[in-house]
Amino acid sequence: MCAAGRRWGRRQRALLWAVLLAAWEAAWGQLRYSVPEEMPKGSFVGDVAKDLGLQLTEIRDRGVRIVSEGSTQYFALHGKTGHLVTAERIDREQLCRLVEKCVLRCELIVEGEMQVYGIQVEITDINDNAPTFKEVELEERMSETTATGSRFPLAEAHDPDSGRNSLQSYELSGDEHFSLAVQAGPGGDQRPELVLAKALDREEAAFHELVLRASDGGDPARTGTARIRVTVLDANDNAPVFSQAEYTVRVPEDVPVASVLITVTATDADEGPNGHVKYSLKKVSEMALNIFHLDSGSGAITLMQSLDFEEGDSYELEVQARDGGGLSDTAKVMISVTDINDNAPVISVRSALSEISEDAPSGTVVALLHVRDRDSGANGEVRCSLDGGVPFRLEKSYEDYYRVVTARELDREQVSEYNVTVRAADGGSPALQSSAVLALRVLDVNDNAPVFLEERYSARLAENNAAGALVLTVRATDADWGQNARVRYRLAEGRVRGAPLSSYVSVQAETGALYALRSLDYEQLRELQLCVRAEDGGAPALSSNVSVRLLIVDENDNAPQVLYPAPAAAAGSGAAAAWSGVELAPRWAEAGALVAKVVAVDADAGQNAWLSYELAKATEPGLFRVGLHSGEVRTARSPLARDAARHSLLVLVRDHGRPALSATATLSVVLAESVAELLAELGSAAHEAAAPGEPAASLTRWLVLAVAAVSCLFVAFLLLLLALRLRRCHRQQLLPPDSGALRGVPVSHFVGIDGVRAFLQSYSHDVSLTADSRKSHLRFSAASCCDTLPARPPPDEPAPLLGDGDPAGALPSDPAPSSVSFSGQIFSTTLSCDSALPFPRRVLCVS
């Protein structure tokens, strides 16, 4: 009970020491723990999460795992606690039989960060093995003449434990003739020897029974025993002797099987059976026993299976030579194995990404590789490289670990997948190499906006289109992939003629087809300027715009509209309607005289708005004609006395569309020589235009009112002329007959206002009015004078300009007095008239 408590206490102290050591090593990227061997599966080794500062959620989310060399995984990470635990029962003697300190190495890999941490777990020994002898029954033969103090090597015990738990001491019991001596070997091992303490006498005792006990230093100690039977022989003078006390041989690891590595030789000077020597392996490890074979007769050591430097680089054998008399000798054989370059580097992909985003920053780790060459020296030195042409590079991470990182930013639109080849070559001659391929797919990010196939779009659409008519299709492509490359279209906001743009056109979100939502009218809307936006499905979405110009093509859908003369329905009713539709023309008009003009417009454009006029119907054919493009109604000949006074003309106005549309205008033309005839014709026209049921008295009343109005205007005009004449006479009386210094000029040539005299000079002009133009010009003649003022006296009739006196005395000394200003000006003016004037007029202009 007390021994078990002490063992438990030692284990607890060992665990505490391991935790403290691990905390110190964690800062250097490597964890160290210690655990006793033979612990049950799931036993605690160390708190990895705490030592590395990892949260439990990070362990689950980042994909933390434990990897180690070999097919057997001895450690695992507990996902709920973050503890490193044993995954298998660990036997130190099986794993580390050739080394004193047993250390198992593993790595903790954080997948999410592509980070690796080294973990070293020392497997401490427990006293679970007792010392054992290869043979529990040993036999020694000695001659009775053997001298006292002679030493005979004994078989050694083997304890796989280490430290104090390994073999510590030997004890011999059973006979006073023998004692035990223990010699220290070169490696610190103990070699028991049987020492003859008292001379032998075969007649006294032919056999001696001894017990050899081996003990370790465990608590409690374990022991192993072997029984030794010493046979006393008759006199045998000579024992076998090896030619060398220690044999050494170096062989390459690729030496063929069944090759003789070395031959040991021992000689015996005796003859007969006592001189016959046989060889045997007295001390050999279990591994060496399976690799080497000793021929008992010849002493040749042959190879039974291939050597592997990586499993064992040296072997120690102890060979015994015994003659027929029982005498023996021992020699040591050291076999050293030299390494050859027989192992190519091994590349292990500990962690790797299969996908990487194209916007990953430079230096992003995509793979964690472990590269190892089992050879040693230059043969085990490994150089790693990547095939060129890829945006990646190799970085040394931890011991034999390498990281593959991005060397620059990636672009999925240029390369969407990479096959990264990692090559490893050792330093042997010839060099061996191996490779591994990493398949990496580049994930798309929304870094490309949609691009339209054209910089701008334009289309032509005939007016009066059907609602829902296809106008055109815009298309944009996105270099991204998947949802990021899915393009949707929509109209930018806008207004047309006060209405939303979306009420005129729409765009199909998936295809980009642009449709007209209503029938468009060229006369209202000549063109549409709109903007279509293409937007991808990324987050955030990227977009681009393109302008679309929609030209409305005119159709001949509007007939000409006659502005003058006004349509009958718009002219009113009764006499007023008849009066508005009557054109006047003098009977003495010449051929080509302008009578009227039909004015029409067409709301269409281009050829559809080109109008032509023609006389479709006339009361007197041949009397009037219509200008093909001007619409002017002119006399084709001079009216005759036999021609009727009233004429009705039907003018056809036609556009040049296909098919052509037309309209008509009706003109009533009255030929008259006097006002009385004109009034009579108008009255007759009013009487005919009256409704059938209207009384004739009403028409007469309107005619009387019209004549009375004209008469009143005439009387008012006469009164106005009389008033002006009286005013002029009054101004002439205000001028004194002798107040002027200018004599010889009639007083009617001066008008005085406030003592200021103005010299009046008049000019006569002729008015020339053309029938083809709405505007006429006045031409002034400076040589002719208006007949309202007396003409200048001719040169042959001199008249005194300044009175009857002496011109010299009458004229002032200054030829240009400052109180009188003379000027003459010629005015030109443009008169507008609505009808041709067949007679010249004279106009007085004063300046």
Foldseek 3Di string as FASTA:
>chain_A
DVLVVVVVVVQVVQQVVQAVQQLVCLVVLEGEWEHAAQDAFFAFTYQQCVSNVHDLVQCVPQVKWKAFDDDDDQWTADSPRSTITGHHGGDQCVQPQPDQWDKGKMWIARQNQRAIGIYIYTHAYALPWAWEFPAQEAEFEEELPDDAFDKAWDFDTFTSHHDQSTWDDKAKDFDPQWGWDWDQDPVRDTTIIIGGHDGDDCVVPQKTKMKMKIWGRHVVIHIYIHIYIYGYDHDDPWWKDKPDQEAEFEDAQADDAFDFGDATDIFIPDDDQQGQKFKDWRDFDPVVVQFWDAHGRGRTIGGHDGGDCLVPFKTKTKMWIGTSNRHIDIHIYIYGYDYALPWAKDKDWPHAAQEAELADAFFRFGTKIFIFTSTDDQSTAKDKFKDPDAQWGWDDHDDRMITITGNGGGDCLVPFKDWIKMKMWTRHVVIHIDIDTRIYGYAYALPWAWDKPDQAAEFEAEFQDDAFDWTAATDTFTSTDDQSGQKFKWWDWDDDPNHTPVCQWTAGGRGRTITGRHGGACLRPQKDKTKMKIWTRHVVIHIDIHIYIYGYDYALPWAKAWPPPDDLVPQDAFLSSLVSQEWEDELQDAFFFFTAATDIFTSTDDQSTQKFKFWPDKPDPQQWTAHGRGRTITGRGRHDPPDAQKMKTKMKMWTRGVVIHIDIDIHIYGYDHDPVVVLVVSLVSSVVRHDPPDDVVVSVVVSVVVVVVVVVVVVVVVVVVVVVVVVLVVQLVVDDPPPDQWPPADSSQWGDDPRATAGKFKWKWKWDDDRVDQKTKIDTDPVDGDPVGDDDDDPVDDTRGRHDDDPVVSDDPDNDDPRYDDDDDDDMDMDGDRGDDPDMDIDIDID
